[in-house]
């Protein structure tokens, strides 16, 4: 690809391969892709992946000589898995490198938070890189970048920044709120004759529904967030099981079954309150005594299931807001 006689003279002296290696150069015009590939095949095995480095080369080729066609011809002679690296200088629009650099630096942060923020930082890069392929040069890319940055700025300032709840996943706090609701429902529903049981049951199922929605939203976030959310699944299922067991026990009691003792019901409520406190404080929940009476055994086992589901949360730091 080199035609300067002085450079070729130095190449003959410098490109001397080490023992066991091979080194060569091609004396040809970059536009003569057939000659380049033919001479390079004397040293390179084009049946294997190779790399073509077109660094600071193509900007010397005018559009009339079809620089894109040169790249395509060289790529056609390479095996699958090969790479082509291109660097291209320009005297137009160097200021675009500044927002490019800023947006590129922000991509890892956006990906660690959520896909919405990641898209705000990625979209201008993608749009501008596509426009740079147009024959109009930097003009279209510059105009499109300004439009895209304005649109992303509006999305950031209007659709993201004013809503702090969307900045983080609030799964631990939502879980603690649902535990409080289940605990209150358990203490009212298990004592026969307590007023407002139907209303508390509806509130409890609404809280559990909100918890599951928050869990699903968090799982749709990038892996750095969703992996930490996934460990809450056993505790979430266990909490829903507690509500179901409380309802089944309350129905059985209302149909003439054995009535749980107030002390046993109080123990269930205290254990659930301890779980909610521990989740909010980032502590391991204390294993408080649960009732051993037959009528409350399914509820007690379901509460133990929640405690086991929370076993690894605190030590791994997964109870923090992500």
C-alpha atoms as a PDB file:
ATOM      1  CA  UNK A   1       0.000   0.000   0.000  1.00  0.00           C
ATOM      2  CA  UNK A   2       3.114   2.195   0.064  1.00  0.00           C
ATOM      3  CA  UNK A   3       4.563   3.864  -3.049  1.00  0.00           C
ATOM      4  CA  UNK A   4       7.057   6.366  -1.599  1.00  0.00           C
ATOM      5  CA  UNK A   5      10.550   5.114  -2.686  1.00  0.00           C
ATOM      6  CA  UNK A   6      12.210   6.362   0.509  1.00  0.00           C
ATOM      7  CA  UNK A   7       9.673   4.580   2.682  1.00  0.00           C
ATOM      8  CA  UNK A   8      10.118   1.421   0.638  1.00  0.00           C
ATOM      9  CA  UNK A   9      13.870   1.580   1.125  1.00  0.00           C
ATOM     10  CA  UNK A  10      13.446   1.803   4.887  1.00  0.00           C
ATOM     11  CA  UNK A  11      10.876  -0.981   4.744  1.00  0.00           C
ATOM     12  CA  UNK A  12      13.378  -3.337   3.134  1.00  0.00           C
ATOM     13  CA  UNK A  13      15.814  -2.659   5.979  1.00  0.00           C
ATOM     14  CA  UNK A  14      13.361  -2.719   8.860  1.00  0.00           C
ATOM     15  CA  UNK A  15      10.921  -5.449   7.887  1.00  0.00           C
ATOM     16  CA  UNK A  16      13.319  -8.267   8.570  1.00  0.00           C
ATOM     17  CA  UNK A  17      11.446 -11.090  10.291  1.00  0.00           C
ATOM     18  CA  UNK A  18      12.676 -12.675  13.471  1.00  0.00           C
ATOM     19  CA  UNK A  19      13.679 -16.355  13.403  1.00  0.00           C
ATOM     20  CA  UNK A  20      10.600 -18.459  12.942  1.00  0.00           C
ATOM     21  CA  UNK A  21       8.474 -15.496  11.811  1.00  0.00           C
ATOM     22  CA  UNK A  22       7.474 -13.913   8.524  1.00  0.00           C
ATOM     23  CA  UNK A  23       7.307 -10.243   7.571  1.00  0.00           C
ATOM     24  CA  UNK A  24       6.692  -8.591   4.216  1.00  0.00           C
ATOM     25  CA  UNK A  25       5.331  -5.431   2.629  1.00  0.00           C
ATOM     26  CA  UNK A  26       3.194  -4.701  -0.421  1.00  0.00           C
ATOM     27  CA  UNK A  27       4.340  -2.216  -3.071  1.00  0.00           C
ATOM     28  CA  UNK A  28       0.955  -1.177  -4.483  1.00  0.00           C
ATOM     29  CA  UNK A  29      -1.677   1.547  -4.627  1.00  0.00           C
ATOM     30  CA  UNK A  30      -4.434   1.240  -2.026  1.00  0.00           C
ATOM     31  CA  UNK A  31      -6.965   1.373  -4.868  1.00  0.00           C
ATOM     32  CA  UNK A  32      -5.485  -1.781  -6.435  1.00  0.00           C
ATOM     33  CA  UNK A  33      -7.165  -4.132  -3.994  1.00  0.00           C
ATOM     34  CA  UNK A  34      -6.666  -7.192  -6.192  1.00  0.00           C
ATOM     35  CA  UNK A  35      -2.886  -6.619  -6.268  1.00  0.00           C
ATOM     36  CA  UNK A  36      -2.793  -6.029  -2.505  1.00  0.00           C
ATOM     37  CA  UNK A  37      -4.658  -9.224  -1.707  1.00  0.00           C
ATOM     38  CA  UNK A  38      -2.619 -11.257  -4.196  1.00  0.00           C
ATOM     39  CA  UNK A  39       0.753 -10.094  -2.829  1.00  0.00           C
ATOM     40  CA  UNK A  40      -0.356 -10.296   0.798  1.00  0.00           C
ATOM     41  CA  UNK A  41      -1.378 -13.921   0.224  1.00  0.00           C
ATOM     42  CA  UNK A  42       2.310 -14.779  -0.180  1.00  0.00           C
ATOM     43  CA  UNK A  43       2.754 -14.232   3.557  1.00  0.00           C
ATOM     44  CA  UNK A  44      -0.745 -14.354   5.062  1.00  0.00           C
ATOM     45  CA  UNK A  45      -3.092 -17.329   5.129  1.00  0.00           C
ATOM     46  CA  UNK A  46      -6.431 -15.803   4.130  1.00  0.00           C
ATOM     47  CA  UNK A  47      -8.194 -19.009   5.111  1.00  0.00           C
ATOM     48  CA  UNK A  48      -7.651 -17.829   8.691  1.00  0.00           C
ATOM     49  CA  UNK A  49      -9.020 -14.618  10.285  1.00  0.00           C
ATOM     50  CA  UNK A  50      -6.837 -11.577   9.700  1.00  0.00           C
ATOM     51  CA  UNK A  51      -6.890  -7.860  10.460  1.00  0.00           C
ATOM     52  CA  UNK A  52      -6.778  -4.962   7.992  1.00  0.00           C
ATOM     53  CA  UNK A  53      -5.676  -1.656   9.508  1.00  0.00           C
ATOM     54  CA  UNK A  54      -6.752   1.304   7.382  1.00  0.00           C
ATOM     55  CA  UNK A  55      -5.416   3.907   9.782  1.00  0.00           C
ATOM     56  CA  UNK A  56      -5.204   7.462   8.426  1.00  0.00           C
ATOM     57  CA  UNK A  57      -5.490   6.133   4.861  1.00  0.00           C
ATOM     58  CA  UNK A  58      -8.983   6.507   3.426  1.00  0.00           C
ATOM     59  CA  UNK A  59      -9.194  10.282   3.824  1.00  0.00           C
ATOM     60  CA  UNK A  60      -6.538  10.509   1.090  1.00  0.00           C
ATOM     61  CA  UNK A  61      -8.831   8.664  -1.336  1.00  0.00           C
ATOM     62  CA  UNK A  62     -11.329  11.000  -3.083  1.00  0.00           C
ATOM     63  CA  UNK A  63     -14.968  10.034  -3.386  1.00  0.00           C
ATOM     64  CA  UNK A  64     -14.500   9.536  -7.116  1.00  0.00           C
ATOM     65  CA  UNK A  65     -12.236   6.552  -6.357  1.00  0.00           C
ATOM     66  CA  UNK A  66     -14.920   4.916  -4.225  1.00  0.00           C
ATOM     67  CA  UNK A  67     -13.246   4.484  -0.802  1.00  0.00           C
ATOM     68  CA  UNK A  68     -16.222   2.464   0.395  1.00  0.00           C
ATOM     69  CA  UNK A  69     -15.683   0.060  -2.506  1.00  0.00           C
ATOM     70  CA  UNK A  70     -12.047  -0.346  -1.455  1.00  0.00           C
ATOM     71  CA  UNK A  71     -13.110  -1.400   2.023  1.00  0.00           C
ATOM     72  CA  UNK A  72     -15.691  -3.826   0.627  1.00  0.00           C
ATOM     73  CA  UNK A  73     -13.128  -5.403  -1.742  1.00  0.00           C
ATOM     74  CA  UNK A  74     -10.603  -5.905   1.065  1.00  0.00           C
ATOM     75  CA  UNK A  75     -13.281  -7.306   3.357  1.00  0.00           C
ATOM     76  CA  UNK A  76     -14.414  -9.751   0.675  1.00  0.00           C
ATOM     77  CA  UNK A  77     -10.963 -11.346   0.669  1.00  0.00           C
ATOM     78  CA  UNK A  78     -10.935 -12.019   4.417  1.00  0.00           C
ATOM     79  CA  UNK A  79     -12.089 -15.104   6.279  1.00  0.00           C
ATOM     80  CA  UNK A  80     -15.014 -14.965   8.742  1.00  0.00           C
ATOM     81  CA  UNK A  81     -13.913 -13.601  12.094  1.00  0.00           C
ATOM     82  CA  UNK A  82     -11.565 -11.032  10.593  1.00  0.00           C
ATOM     83  CA  UNK A  83     -11.460  -7.365  11.566  1.00  0.00           C
ATOM     84  CA  UNK A  84     -11.111  -4.077   9.727  1.00  0.00           C
ATOM     85  CA  UNK A  85      -9.994  -1.019  11.692  1.00  0.00           C
ATOM     86  CA  UNK A  86     -10.438   2.453  10.194  1.00  0.00           C
ATOM     87  CA  UNK A  87      -9.399   5.881  11.430  1.00  0.00           C
ATOM     88  CA  UNK A  88     -10.474   8.874   9.377  1.00  0.00           C
ATOM     89  CA  UNK A  89      -9.343  12.470   9.818  1.00  0.00           C
ATOM     90  CA  UNK A  90     -11.534  15.450   9.014  1.00  0.00           C
ATOM     91  CA  UNK A  91     -11.284  19.198   9.180  1.00  0.00           C
ATOM     92  CA  UNK A  92     -15.033  19.588   9.762  1.00  0.00           C
ATOM     93  CA  UNK A  93     -16.913  19.284  13.033  1.00  0.00           C
ATOM     94  CA  UNK A  94     -14.144  18.320  15.487  1.00  0.00           C
ATOM     95  CA  UNK A  95     -16.285  19.695  18.313  1.00  0.00           C
ATOM     96  CA  UNK A  96     -18.499  16.623  17.912  1.00  0.00           C
ATOM     97  CA  UNK A  97     -15.772  14.610  19.614  1.00  0.00           C
ATOM     98  CA  UNK A  98     -16.563  16.376  22.896  1.00  0.00           C
ATOM     99  CA  UNK A  99     -20.203  15.217  23.227  1.00  0.00           C
ATOM    100  CA  UNK A 100     -19.143  11.850  21.818  1.00  0.00           C
ATOM    101  CA  UNK A 101     -16.651  11.454  24.643  1.00  0.00           C
ATOM    102  CA  UNK A 102     -19.093  12.641  27.300  1.00  0.00           C
ATOM    103  CA  UNK A 103     -21.877  10.340  26.110  1.00  0.00           C
ATOM    104  CA  UNK A 104     -19.514   7.382  25.849  1.00  0.00           C
ATOM    105  CA  UNK A 105     -18.377   7.938  29.438  1.00  0.00           C
ATOM    106  CA  UNK A 106     -21.994   8.116  30.630  1.00  0.00           C
ATOM    107  CA  UNK A 107     -23.031   4.826  29.001  1.00  0.00           C
ATOM    108  CA  UNK A 108     -21.728   2.554  31.815  1.00  0.00           C
ATOM    109  CA  UNK A 109     -23.485   4.708  34.422  1.00  0.00           C
ATOM    110  CA  UNK A 110     -26.776   4.635  32.490  1.00  0.00           C
ATOM    111  CA  UNK A 111     -26.577   0.878  32.065  1.00  0.00           C
ATOM    112  CA  UNK A 112     -26.027   0.426  35.797  1.00  0.00           C
ATOM    113  CA  UNK A 113     -29.198   2.389  36.614  1.00  0.00           C
ATOM    114  CA  UNK A 114     -31.891   1.465  34.073  1.00  0.00           C
ATOM    115  CA  UNK A 115     -32.465   1.067  30.364  1.00  0.00           C
ATOM    116  CA  UNK A 116     -34.346   4.362  30.082  1.00  0.00           C
ATOM    117  CA  UNK A 117     -31.338   6.392  31.183  1.00  0.00           C
ATOM    118  CA  UNK A 118     -29.033   4.193  29.115  1.00  0.00           C
ATOM    119  CA  UNK A 119     -31.123   4.914  26.002  1.00  0.00           C
ATOM    120  CA  UNK A 120     -30.897   8.664  26.615  1.00  0.00           C
ATOM    121  CA  UNK A 121     -27.096   8.465  26.456  1.00  0.00           C
ATOM    122  CA  UNK A 122     -26.924   5.910  23.629  1.00  0.00           C
ATOM    123  CA  UNK A 123     -29.426   7.357  21.153  1.00  0.00           C
ATOM    124  CA  UNK A 124     -27.379  10.428  20.125  1.00  0.00           C
ATOM    125  CA  UNK A 125     -24.331   8.234  19.479  1.00  0.00           C
ATOM    126  CA  UNK A 126     -26.242   5.797  17.288  1.00  0.00           C
ATOM    127  CA  UNK A 127     -28.092   8.475  15.328  1.00  0.00           C
ATOM    128  CA  UNK A 128     -24.969  10.506  14.605  1.00  0.00           C
ATOM    129  CA  UNK A 129     -22.893   7.475  13.628  1.00  0.00           C
ATOM    130  CA  UNK A 130     -25.595   6.483  11.134  1.00  0.00           C
ATOM    131  CA  UNK A 131     -25.738   9.986   9.680  1.00  0.00           C
ATOM    132  CA  UNK A 132     -21.971  10.091   9.229  1.00  0.00           C
ATOM    133  CA  UNK A 133     -22.362   7.414   6.572  1.00  0.00           C
ATOM    134  CA  UNK A 134     -24.286   9.882   4.406  1.00  0.00           C
ATOM    135  CA  UNK A 135     -22.416  11.710   1.641  1.00  0.00           C
ATOM    136  CA  UNK A 136     -23.304  15.081   3.132  1.00  0.00           C
ATOM    137  CA  UNK A 137     -20.476  14.690   5.645  1.00  0.00           C
ATOM    138  CA  UNK A 138     -20.657  16.316   9.061  1.00  0.00           C
ATOM    139  CA  UNK A 139     -23.440  18.765   8.204  1.00  0.00           C
ATOM    140  CA  UNK A 140     -26.305  16.331   8.623  1.00  0.00           C
ATOM    141  CA  UNK A 141     -24.620  14.674  11.617  1.00  0.00           C
ATOM    142  CA  UNK A 142     -24.182  18.018  13.356  1.00  0.00           C
ATOM    143  CA  UNK A 143     -27.806  19.058  12.810  1.00  0.00           C
ATOM    144  CA  UNK A 144     -29.110  15.665  13.849  1.00  0.00           C
ATOM    145  CA  UNK A 145     -26.935  15.588  16.950  1.00  0.00           C
ATOM    146  CA  UNK A 146     -28.320  18.958  18.077  1.00  0.00           C
ATOM    147  CA  UNK A 147     -31.908  17.760  17.519  1.00  0.00           C
ATOM    148  CA  UNK A 148     -31.263  14.459  19.286  1.00  0.00           C
ATOM    149  CA  UNK A 149     -29.531  16.059  22.255  1.00  0.00           C
ATOM    150  CA  UNK A 150     -32.447  18.487  22.629  1.00  0.00           C
ATOM    151  CA  UNK A 151     -34.930  15.603  22.541  1.00  0.00           C
ATOM    152  CA  UNK A 152     -32.935  13.537  25.043  1.00  0.00           C
ATOM    153  CA  UNK A 153     -32.575  16.613  27.240  1.00  0.00           C
ATOM    154  CA  UNK A 154     -36.340  17.037  27.284  1.00  0.00           C
ATOM    155  CA  UNK A 155     -36.778  13.341  28.138  1.00  0.00           C
ATOM    156  CA  UNK A 156     -34.202  13.630  30.920  1.00  0.00           C
ATOM    157  CA  UNK A 157     -35.523  16.851  32.449  1.00  0.00           C
ATOM    158  CA  UNK A 158     -39.257  16.245  31.995  1.00  0.00           C
ATOM    159  CA  UNK A 159     -39.655  12.488  31.954  1.00  0.00           C
ATOM    160  CA  UNK A 160     -36.909  11.358  34.317  1.00  0.00           C
ATOM    161  CA  UNK A 161     -35.470  13.978  36.669  1.00  0.00           C
ATOM    162  CA  UNK A 162     -38.800  15.165  38.202  1.00  0.00           C
ATOM    163  CA  UNK A 163     -39.648  11.593  39.245  1.00  0.00           C
ATOM    164  CA  UNK A 164     -37.098  10.502  41.880  1.00  0.00           C
ATOM    165  CA  UNK A 165     -38.977   7.240  42.390  1.00  0.00           C
ATOM    166  CA  UNK A 166     -37.808   6.160  38.931  1.00  0.00           C
ATOM    167  CA  UNK A 167     -34.145   6.685  39.773  1.00  0.00           C
ATOM    168  CA  UNK A 168     -33.873   3.559  41.908  1.00  0.00           C
ATOM    169  CA  UNK A 169     -35.538   0.233  42.440  1.00  0.00           C
ATOM    170  CA  UNK A 170     -37.447   0.385  45.744  1.00  0.00           C
ATOM    171  CA  UNK A 171     -37.966  -3.331  46.181  1.00  0.00           C
ATOM    172  CA  UNK A 172     -36.775  -3.550  49.845  1.00  0.00           C
ATOM    173  CA  UNK A 173     -39.018  -0.699  50.970  1.00  0.00           C
ATOM    174  CA  UNK A 174     -41.965  -2.105  49.038  1.00  0.00           C
ATOM    175  CA  UNK A 175     -41.337  -5.514  50.585  1.00  0.00           C
ATOM    176  CA  UNK A 176     -41.333  -4.078  54.126  1.00  0.00           C
ATOM    177  CA  UNK A 177     -44.593  -2.232  53.435  1.00  0.00           C
ATOM    178  CA  UNK A 178     -46.208  -5.442  52.212  1.00  0.00           C
ATOM    179  CA  UNK A 179     -44.997  -7.310  55.316  1.00  0.00           C
ATOM    180  CA  UNK A 180     -46.601  -4.657  57.533  1.00  0.00           C
ATOM    181  CA  UNK A 181     -49.865  -5.049  55.652  1.00  0.00           C
ATOM    182  CA  UNK A 182     -49.792  -8.853  55.936  1.00  0.00           C
ATOM    183  CA  UNK A 183     -48.967  -8.623  59.665  1.00  0.00           C
ATOM    184  CA  UNK A 184     -51.880  -6.305  60.383  1.00  0.00           C
ATOM    185  CA  UNK A 185     -54.213  -8.489  58.337  1.00  0.00           C
ATOM    186  CA  UNK A 186     -53.034 -11.613  60.182  1.00  0.00           C
ATOM    187  CA  UNK A 187     -53.694 -10.150  63.624  1.00  0.00           C
ATOM    188  CA  UNK A 188     -57.183  -8.988  62.634  1.00  0.00           C
ATOM    189  CA  UNK A 189     -58.254 -11.964  60.538  1.00  0.00           C
ATOM    190  CA  UNK A 190     -57.088 -14.715  62.897  1.00  0.00           C
ATOM    191  CA  UNK A 191     -59.024 -13.331  65.852  1.00  0.00           C
ATOM    192  CA  UNK A 192     -62.618 -14.292  65.241  1.00  0.00           C
ATOM    193  CA  UNK A 193     -64.943 -11.329  65.357  1.00  0.00           C
ATOM    194  CA  UNK A 194     -62.371  -8.625  64.580  1.00  0.00           C
ATOM    195  CA  UNK A 195     -63.976  -5.883  62.453  1.00  0.00           C
ATOM    196  CA  UNK A 196     -62.700  -4.770  59.084  1.00  0.00           C
ATOM    197  CA  UNK A 197     -61.222  -8.111  57.989  1.00  0.00           C
ATOM    198  CA  UNK A 198     -62.544  -7.852  54.422  1.00  0.00           C
ATOM    199  CA  UNK A 199     -61.139  -4.369  53.972  1.00  0.00           C
ATOM    200  CA  UNK A 200     -57.735  -5.438  55.343  1.00  0.00           C
ATOM    201  CA  UNK A 201     -57.699  -8.469  53.052  1.00  0.00           C
ATOM    202  CA  UNK A 202     -58.216  -6.227  50.029  1.00  0.00           C
ATOM    203  CA  UNK A 203     -55.492  -3.840  51.210  1.00  0.00           C
ATOM    204  CA  UNK A 204     -53.109  -6.738  51.774  1.00  0.00           C
ATOM    205  CA  UNK A 205     -53.627  -8.177  48.309  1.00  0.00           C
ATOM    206  CA  UNK A 206     -53.202  -4.695  46.852  1.00  0.00           C
ATOM    207  CA  UNK A 207     -49.887  -4.334  48.704  1.00  0.00           C
ATOM    208  CA  UNK A 208     -48.740  -7.750  47.472  1.00  0.00           C
ATOM    209  CA  UNK A 209     -49.750  -6.810  43.927  1.00  0.00           C
ATOM    210  CA  UNK A 210     -47.736  -3.596  44.183  1.00  0.00           C
ATOM    211  CA  UNK A 211     -44.772  -5.608  45.477  1.00  0.00           C
ATOM    212  CA  UNK A 212     -44.924  -8.037  42.571  1.00  0.00           C
ATOM    213  CA  UNK A 213     -45.210  -5.138  40.109  1.00  0.00           C
ATOM    214  CA  UNK A 214     -42.130  -3.494  41.623  1.00  0.00           C
ATOM    215  CA  UNK A 215     -40.284  -6.804  41.431  1.00  0.00           C
ATOM    216  CA  UNK A 216     -41.177  -7.254  37.759  1.00  0.00           C
ATOM    217  CA  UNK A 217     -40.160  -3.670  36.973  1.00  0.00           C
ATOM    218  CA  UNK A 218     -36.827  -4.167  38.697  1.00  0.00           C
ATOM    219  CA  UNK A 219     -36.220  -7.436  36.865  1.00  0.00           C
ATOM    220  CA  UNK A 220     -36.625  -5.553  33.560  1.00  0.00           C
ATOM    221  CA  UNK A 221     -33.677  -3.328  34.436  1.00  0.00           C
ATOM    222  CA  UNK A 222     -30.035  -3.988  33.459  1.00  0.00           C
ATOM    223  CA  UNK A 223     -28.298  -7.065  34.941  1.00  0.00           C
ATOM    224  CA  UNK A 224     -26.486  -5.010  37.578  1.00  0.00           C
ATOM    225  CA  UNK A 225     -29.912  -4.201  39.057  1.00  0.00           C
ATOM    226  CA  UNK A 226     -31.963  -7.270  38.139  1.00  0.00           C
ATOM    227  CA  UNK A 227     -29.432  -9.745  39.554  1.00  0.00           C
ATOM    228  CA  UNK A 228     -29.744  -8.112  42.966  1.00  0.00           C
ATOM    229  CA  UNK A 229     -33.526  -8.084  42.693  1.00  0.00           C
ATOM    230  CA  UNK A 230     -33.783 -11.773  41.767  1.00  0.00           C
ATOM    231  CA  UNK A 231     -32.737 -12.916  45.255  1.00  0.00           C
ATOM    232  CA  UNK A 232     -35.923 -11.392  46.693  1.00  0.00           C
ATOM    233  CA  UNK A 233     -38.102 -13.856  44.808  1.00  0.00           C
ATOM    234  CA  UNK A 234     -38.160 -16.647  47.484  1.00  0.00           C
ATOM    235  CA  UNK A 235     -39.102 -14.157  50.209  1.00  0.00           C
ATOM    236  CA  UNK A 236     -41.774 -12.595  47.963  1.00  0.00           C
ATOM    237  CA  UNK A 237     -43.347 -15.994  47.266  1.00  0.00           C
ATOM    238  CA  UNK A 238     -43.168 -16.838  50.959  1.00  0.00           C
ATOM    239  CA  UNK A 239     -44.956 -13.609  51.912  1.00  0.00           C
ATOM    240  CA  UNK A 240     -47.765 -14.321  49.477  1.00  0.00           C
ATOM    241  CA  UNK A 241     -48.019 -17.789  51.026  1.00  0.00           C
ATOM    242  CA  UNK A 242     -48.367 -16.230  54.492  1.00  0.00           C
ATOM    243  CA  UNK A 243     -51.351 -14.175  53.291  1.00  0.00           C
ATOM    244  CA  UNK A 244     -52.941 -17.263  51.724  1.00  0.00           C
ATOM    245  CA  UNK A 245     -52.461 -19.340  54.902  1.00  0.00           C
ATOM    246  CA  UNK A 246     -53.904 -16.556  57.046  1.00  0.00           C
ATOM    247  CA  UNK A 247     -56.977 -16.382  54.827  1.00  0.00           C
ATOM    248  CA  UNK A 248     -57.433 -20.171  54.850  1.00  0.00           C
ATOM    249  CA  UNK A 249     -57.093 -20.316  58.634  1.00  0.00           C
ATOM    250  CA  UNK A 250     -59.516 -17.406  59.127  1.00  0.00           C
ATOM    251  CA  UNK A 251     -62.089 -19.042  56.848  1.00  0.00           C
ATOM    252  CA  UNK A 252     -61.764 -22.328  58.729  1.00  0.00           C
ATOM    253  CA  UNK A 253     -62.234 -20.545  62.043  1.00  0.00           C
ATOM    254  CA  UNK A 254     -65.314 -18.735  60.736  1.00  0.00           C
ATOM    255  CA  UNK A 255     -66.863 -22.048  59.709  1.00  0.00           C
ATOM    256  CA  UNK A 256     -66.721 -23.374  63.240  1.00  0.00           C
ATOM    257  CA  UNK A 257     -63.124 -24.489  63.522  1.00  0.00           C
ATOM    258  CA  UNK A 258     -60.795 -24.040  66.456  1.00  0.00           C
ATOM    259  CA  UNK A 259     -60.079 -20.409  67.275  1.00  0.00           C
ATOM    260  CA  UNK A 260     -56.386 -19.481  67.556  1.00  0.00           C
ATOM    261  CA  UNK A 261     -55.188 -18.178  70.895  1.00  0.00           C
ATOM    262  CA  UNK A 262     -54.575 -14.404  71.144  1.00  0.00           C
ATOM    263  CA  UNK A 263     -51.014 -15.132  72.292  1.00  0.00           C
ATOM    264  CA  UNK A 264     -50.316 -17.251  69.196  1.00  0.00           C
ATOM    265  CA  UNK A 265     -51.743 -14.585  66.892  1.00  0.00           C
ATOM    266  CA  UNK A 266     -49.651 -11.956  68.674  1.00  0.00           C
ATOM    267  CA  UNK A 267     -46.506 -14.037  68.065  1.00  0.00           C
ATOM    268  CA  UNK A 268     -47.247 -14.208  64.344  1.00  0.00           C
ATOM    269  CA  UNK A 269     -47.749 -10.447  64.195  1.00  0.00           C
ATOM    270  CA  UNK A 270     -44.568  -9.782  66.177  1.00  0.00           C
ATOM    271  CA  UNK A 271     -42.502 -12.044  63.915  1.00  0.00           C
ATOM    272  CA  UNK A 272     -43.783 -10.270  60.798  1.00  0.00           C
ATOM    273  CA  UNK A 273     -43.131  -6.858  62.359  1.00  0.00           C
ATOM    274  CA  UNK A 274     -39.546  -7.960  63.078  1.00  0.00           C
ATOM    275  CA  UNK A 275     -39.096  -8.970  59.430  1.00  0.00           C
ATOM    276  CA  UNK A 276     -40.318  -5.558  58.246  1.00  0.00           C
ATOM    277  CA  UNK A 277     -38.030  -3.766  60.738  1.00  0.00           C
ATOM    278  CA  UNK A 278     -35.002  -5.815  59.716  1.00  0.00           C
ATOM    279  CA  UNK A 279     -35.570  -5.196  55.999  1.00  0.00           C
ATOM    280  CA  UNK A 280     -35.796  -1.442  56.514  1.00  0.00           C
ATOM    281  CA  UNK A 281     -32.742  -1.361  58.796  1.00  0.00           C
ATOM    282  CA  UNK A 282     -30.643  -3.750  56.715  1.00  0.00           C
ATOM    283  CA  UNK A 283     -30.388  -6.233  59.603  1.00  0.00           C
ATOM    284  CA  UNK A 284     -30.873  -9.959  59.705  1.00  0.00           C
ATOM    285  CA  UNK A 285     -34.374 -10.631  61.104  1.00  0.00           C
ATOM    286  CA  UNK A 286     -34.388 -12.230  64.535  1.00  0.00           C
ATOM    287  CA  UNK A 287     -35.969 -15.680  64.634  1.00  0.00           C
ATOM    288  CA  UNK A 288     -38.646 -14.899  67.191  1.00  0.00           C
ATOM    289  CA  UNK A 289     -40.696 -17.774  68.650  1.00  0.00           C
ATOM    290  CA  UNK A 290     -43.763 -18.725  66.644  1.00  0.00           C
ATOM    291  CA  UNK A 291     -46.885 -20.498  67.895  1.00  0.00           C
ATOM    292  CA  UNK A 292     -46.838 -24.288  67.904  1.00  0.00           C
ATOM    293  CA  UNK A 293     -50.578 -24.796  68.201  1.00  0.00           C
ATOM    294  CA  UNK A 294     -52.073 -26.903  65.447  1.00  0.00           C
ATOM    295  CA  UNK A 295     -54.429 -24.282  64.010  1.00  0.00           C
ATOM    296  CA  UNK A 296     -51.586 -21.775  63.472  1.00  0.00           C
ATOM    297  CA  UNK A 297     -48.952 -24.232  62.275  1.00  0.00           C
ATOM    298  CA  UNK A 298     -49.467 -23.524  58.510  1.00  0.00           C
ATOM    299  CA  UNK A 299     -49.161 -19.780  59.151  1.00  0.00           C
ATOM    300  CA  UNK A 300     -46.056 -20.255  61.308  1.00  0.00           C
ATOM    301  CA  UNK A 301     -44.397 -22.430  58.650  1.00  0.00           C
ATOM    302  CA  UNK A 302     -45.145 -19.802  55.997  1.00  0.00           C
ATOM    303  CA  UNK A 303     -43.542 -17.111  58.175  1.00  0.00           C
ATOM    304  CA  UNK A 304     -40.466 -19.311  58.590  1.00  0.00           C
ATOM    305  CA  UNK A 305     -40.363 -19.598  54.811  1.00  0.00           C
ATOM    306  CA  UNK A 306     -40.110 -15.813  54.543  1.00  0.00           C
ATOM    307  CA  UNK A 307     -37.343 -15.754  57.148  1.00  0.00           C
ATOM    308  CA  UNK A 308     -35.392 -18.382  55.207  1.00  0.00           C
ATOM    309  CA  UNK A 309     -35.928 -16.470  51.969  1.00  0.00           C
ATOM    310  CA  UNK A 310     -34.341 -13.413  53.563  1.00  0.00           C
ATOM    311  CA  UNK A 311     -31.354 -15.393  54.841  1.00  0.00           C
ATOM    312  CA  UNK A 312     -28.754 -14.159  52.342  1.00  0.00           C
ATOM    313  CA  UNK A 313     -30.135 -10.709  51.748  1.00  0.00           C
ATOM    314  CA  UNK A 314     -28.340  -8.754  54.461  1.00  0.00           C
ATOM    315  CA  UNK A 315     -24.913 -10.367  54.215  1.00  0.00           C
ATOM    316  CA  UNK A 316     -24.751  -9.805  50.475  1.00  0.00           C
ATOM    317  CA  UNK A 317     -25.893  -6.175  50.689  1.00  0.00           C
ATOM    318  CA  UNK A 318     -28.946  -6.872  48.556  1.00  0.00           C
ATOM    319  CA  UNK A 319     -31.340  -5.105  50.859  1.00  0.00           C
ATOM    320  CA  UNK A 320     -30.048  -1.678  49.837  1.00  0.00           C
ATOM    321  CA  UNK A 321     -32.001   0.339  47.307  1.00  0.00           C
ATOM    322  CA  UNK A 322     -30.583  -0.324  43.871  1.00  0.00           C
END
